[in-house]
C-alpha atoms as a PDB file:
ATOM      1  CA  GLN A   1     -11.127 140.208 -45.680  1.00  0.00           C
ATOM      2  CA  VAL A   2     -14.432 138.901 -44.358  1.00  0.00           C
ATOM      3  CA  GLN A   3     -14.137 135.725 -42.324  1.00  0.00           C
ATOM      4  CA  LEU A   4     -16.370 133.580 -40.176  1.00  0.00           C
ATOM      5  CA  VAL A   5     -14.488 130.744 -38.532  1.00  0.00           C
ATOM      6  CA  GLU A   6     -16.331 127.999 -36.690  1.00  0.00           C
ATOM      7  CA  SER A   7     -14.670 125.831 -34.067  1.00  0.00           C
ATOM      8  CA  GLY A   8     -15.594 123.440 -31.286  1.00  0.00           C
ATOM      9  CA  GLY A   9     -16.924 120.530 -33.278  1.00  0.00           C
ATOM     10  CA  GLY A  10     -15.890 116.942 -32.703  1.00  0.00           C
ATOM     11  CA  LEU A  11     -16.992 113.481 -31.698  1.00  0.00           C
ATOM     12  CA  VAL A  12     -19.274 113.179 -28.683  1.00  0.00           C
ATOM     13  CA  GLN A  13     -21.359 110.404 -27.190  1.00  0.00           C
ATOM     14  CA  PRO A  14     -25.152 110.604 -27.146  1.00  0.00           C
ATOM     15  CA  GLY A  15     -26.272 112.747 -24.238  1.00  0.00           C
ATOM     16  CA  GLY A  16     -23.081 114.758 -24.308  1.00  0.00           C
ATOM     17  CA  SER A  17     -22.477 118.449 -24.918  1.00  0.00           C
ATOM     18  CA  LEU A  18     -20.467 120.636 -27.242  1.00  0.00           C
ATOM     19  CA  ARG A  19     -20.041 124.384 -27.551  1.00  0.00           C
ATOM     20  CA  LEU A  20     -19.480 125.753 -31.022  1.00  0.00           C
ATOM     21  CA  SER A  21     -17.902 129.152 -31.593  1.00  0.00           C
ATOM     22  CA  CYS A  22     -18.068 131.411 -34.621  1.00  0.00           C
ATOM     23  CA  ALA A  23     -15.376 134.089 -34.745  1.00  0.00           C
ATOM     24  CA  ALA A  24     -15.978 136.984 -37.117  1.00  0.00           C
ATOM     25  CA  SER A  25     -13.527 139.406 -38.692  1.00  0.00           C
ATOM     26  CA  GLY A  26     -13.402 141.858 -41.568  1.00  0.00           C
ATOM     27  CA  PHE A  27     -16.845 143.366 -41.014  1.00  0.00           C
ATOM     28  CA  THR A  28     -18.868 145.014 -38.251  1.00  0.00           C
ATOM     29  CA  PHE A  29     -20.167 141.897 -36.557  1.00  0.00           C
ATOM     30  CA  SER A  30     -22.490 143.756 -34.197  1.00  0.00           C
ATOM     31  CA  TYR A  31     -24.531 145.037 -37.163  1.00  0.00           C
ATOM     32  CA  TYR A  32     -25.404 141.530 -38.332  1.00  0.00           C
ATOM     33  CA  ALA A  33     -27.912 138.955 -37.217  1.00  0.00           C
ATOM     34  CA  VAL A  34     -26.348 135.540 -36.736  1.00  0.00           C
ATOM     35  CA  SER A  35     -27.668 132.062 -37.311  1.00  0.00           C
ATOM     36  CA  TRP A  36     -26.414 128.514 -37.087  1.00  0.00           C
ATOM     37  CA  HIS A  37     -27.274 125.975 -39.748  1.00  0.00           C
ATOM     38  CA  ARG A  38     -26.417 122.341 -40.241  1.00  0.00           C
ATOM     39  CA  GLN A  39     -26.184 119.907 -43.100  1.00  0.00           C
ATOM     40  CA  ALA A  40     -26.153 116.151 -42.745  1.00  0.00           C
ATOM     41  CA  PRO A  41     -24.946 113.895 -45.587  1.00  0.00           C
ATOM     42  CA  GLY A  42     -27.556 113.705 -48.313  1.00  0.00           C
ATOM     43  CA  GLU A  43     -29.710 116.328 -46.646  1.00  0.00           C
ATOM     44  CA  GLU A  44     -30.396 119.983 -47.318  1.00  0.00           C
ATOM     45  CA  ARG A  45     -28.896 122.634 -45.081  1.00  0.00           C
ATOM     46  CA  GLU A  46     -31.320 123.585 -42.330  1.00  0.00           C
ATOM     47  CA  LEU A  47     -31.640 126.432 -39.877  1.00  0.00           C
ATOM     48  CA  VAL A  48     -30.862 125.422 -36.307  1.00  0.00           C
ATOM     49  CA  ALA A  49     -30.940 128.681 -34.356  1.00  0.00           C
ATOM     50  CA  ALA A  50     -30.853 132.425 -34.915  1.00  0.00           C
ATOM     51  CA  ILE A  51     -30.179 135.499 -32.824  1.00  0.00           C
ATOM     52  CA  THR A  52     -30.794 139.168 -33.484  1.00  0.00           C
ATOM     53  CA  ILE A  53     -28.184 141.919 -33.558  1.00  0.00           C
ATOM     54  CA  ILE A  54     -28.282 142.793 -29.877  1.00  0.00           C
ATOM     55  CA  GLY A  55     -29.278 139.306 -28.861  1.00  0.00           C
ATOM     56  CA  GLY A  56     -32.660 140.132 -27.474  1.00  0.00           C
ATOM     57  CA  ASN A  57     -34.502 137.648 -29.631  1.00  0.00           C
ATOM     58  CA  THR A  58     -33.686 134.067 -30.484  1.00  0.00           C
ATOM     59  CA  ASN A  59     -35.451 131.292 -32.305  1.00  0.00           C
ATOM     60  CA  TYR A  60     -34.800 127.600 -32.735  1.00  0.00           C
ATOM     61  CA  ALA A  61     -35.742 124.688 -34.904  1.00  0.00           C
ATOM     62  CA  ASP A  62     -38.262 122.461 -33.157  1.00  0.00           C
ATOM     63  CA  SER A  63     -35.775 119.598 -33.205  1.00  0.00           C
ATOM     64  CA  VAL A  64     -33.311 121.447 -30.954  1.00  0.00           C
ATOM     65  CA  LYS A  65     -35.574 123.523 -28.691  1.00  0.00           C
ATOM     66  CA  GLY A  66     -34.717 123.041 -25.052  1.00  0.00           C
ATOM     67  CA  ARG A  67     -31.349 121.466 -25.904  1.00  0.00           C
ATOM     68  CA  PHE A  68     -29.443 124.127 -27.863  1.00  0.00           C
ATOM     69  CA  THR A  69     -28.764 127.733 -26.908  1.00  0.00           C
ATOM     70  CA  ILE A  70     -27.503 130.422 -29.261  1.00  0.00           C
ATOM     71  CA  SER A  71     -25.705 133.470 -27.906  1.00  0.00           C
ATOM     72  CA  ARG A  72     -23.330 136.196 -29.009  1.00  0.00           C
ATOM     73  CA  ASP A  73     -20.665 138.447 -27.552  1.00  0.00           C
ATOM     74  CA  ASN A  74     -20.386 141.500 -29.785  1.00  0.00           C
ATOM     75  CA  ALA A  75     -17.349 142.745 -27.858  1.00  0.00           C
ATOM     76  CA  LYS A  76     -15.534 139.563 -28.913  1.00  0.00           C
ATOM     77  CA  ASN A  77     -17.064 139.402 -32.399  1.00  0.00           C
ATOM     78  CA  THR A  78     -18.103 135.856 -31.610  1.00  0.00           C
ATOM     79  CA  ALA A  79     -21.291 133.815 -31.631  1.00  0.00           C
ATOM     80  CA  TYR A  80     -21.846 130.540 -29.847  1.00  0.00           C
ATOM     81  CA  LEU A  81     -24.037 127.482 -30.010  1.00  0.00           C
ATOM     82  CA  GLN A  82     -24.253 125.501 -26.796  1.00  0.00           C
ATOM     83  CA  MET A  83     -25.504 122.005 -27.599  1.00  0.00           C
ATOM     84  CA  ASN A  84     -26.662 119.740 -24.795  1.00  0.00           C
ATOM     85  CA  SER A  85     -28.305 116.307 -24.723  1.00  0.00           C
ATOM     86  CA  LEU A  86     -26.898 115.577 -28.140  1.00  0.00           C
ATOM     87  CA  LYS A  87     -28.485 112.865 -30.246  1.00  0.00           C
ATOM     88  CA  PRO A  88     -27.121 110.847 -33.169  1.00  0.00           C
ATOM     89  CA  GLU A  89     -29.487 112.756 -35.454  1.00  0.00           C
ATOM     90  CA  ASP A  90     -27.639 115.963 -34.563  1.00  0.00           C
ATOM     91  CA  THR A  91     -24.655 114.672 -36.546  1.00  0.00           C
ATOM     92  CA  ALA A  92     -23.900 117.185 -39.306  1.00  0.00           C
ATOM     93  CA  VAL A  93     -21.576 119.910 -40.449  1.00  0.00           C
ATOM     94  CA  TYR A  94     -22.533 123.074 -38.568  1.00  0.00           C
ATOM     95  CA  TYR A  95     -22.201 126.476 -40.226  1.00  0.00           C
ATOM     96  CA  CYS A  96     -22.616 129.957 -38.888  1.00  0.00           C
ATOM     97  CA  ARG A  97     -23.995 132.789 -41.004  1.00  0.00           C
ATOM     98  CA  ALA A  98     -24.034 136.541 -40.532  1.00  0.00           C
ATOM     99  CA  THR A  99     -26.832 138.439 -42.260  1.00  0.00           C
ATOM    100  CA  ARG A 100     -27.687 142.070 -42.878  1.00  0.00           C
ATOM    101  CA  ALA A 101     -29.847 143.707 -45.530  1.00  0.00           C
ATOM    102  CA  GLY A 102     -29.616 140.801 -47.944  1.00  0.00           C
ATOM    103  CA  VAL A 103     -25.878 140.313 -47.466  1.00  0.00           C
ATOM    104  CA  TYR A 104     -24.837 136.873 -46.219  1.00  0.00           C
ATOM    105  CA  TYR A 105     -21.503 135.654 -44.941  1.00  0.00           C
ATOM    106  CA  TRP A 106     -20.919 131.953 -44.271  1.00  0.00           C
ATOM    107  CA  GLY A 107     -18.263 130.122 -42.346  1.00  0.00           C
ATOM    108  CA  GLN A 108     -16.537 126.985 -43.605  1.00  0.00           C
ATOM    109  CA  GLY A 109     -18.308 124.681 -41.164  1.00  0.00           C
ATOM    110  CA  THR A 110     -17.318 122.392 -38.317  1.00  0.00           C
ATOM    111  CA  GLN A 111     -18.149 118.698 -38.093  1.00  0.00           C
ATOM    112  CA  VAL A 112     -20.231 117.418 -35.186  1.00  0.00           C
ATOM    113  CA  THR A 113     -20.535 113.661 -34.825  1.00  0.00           C
ATOM    114  CA  VAL A 114     -22.726 112.116 -32.137  1.00  0.00           C
ATOM    115  CA  SER A 115     -21.994 108.434 -31.768  1.00  0.00           C
ATOM    116  CA  SER A 116     -21.242 105.821 -29.156  1.00  0.00           C
END
């Protein structure tokens, strides 16, 4: 059974940090590119960050460049999103996605709320 399970979300004050994790099972994680997406209420889901299979290449949405870092540990079948200097506008449900050859797997999402 294919699963992507996000964790690490929560409530944080502006300027704070969170580290999201995405644990994969049921498929060969190391064969898949991974990305993080987010969706705020009333908004469309948007790409936040992406990383290639081995992790040699990453890219980020302009809104998070310099603050967020995506990484992966293929030995642990896990991807991460380190989020620093969080802003209220980062509040959203964060989803991870694994992608290969037109096949997409999504996690269930984890809520991140940035508020004082």
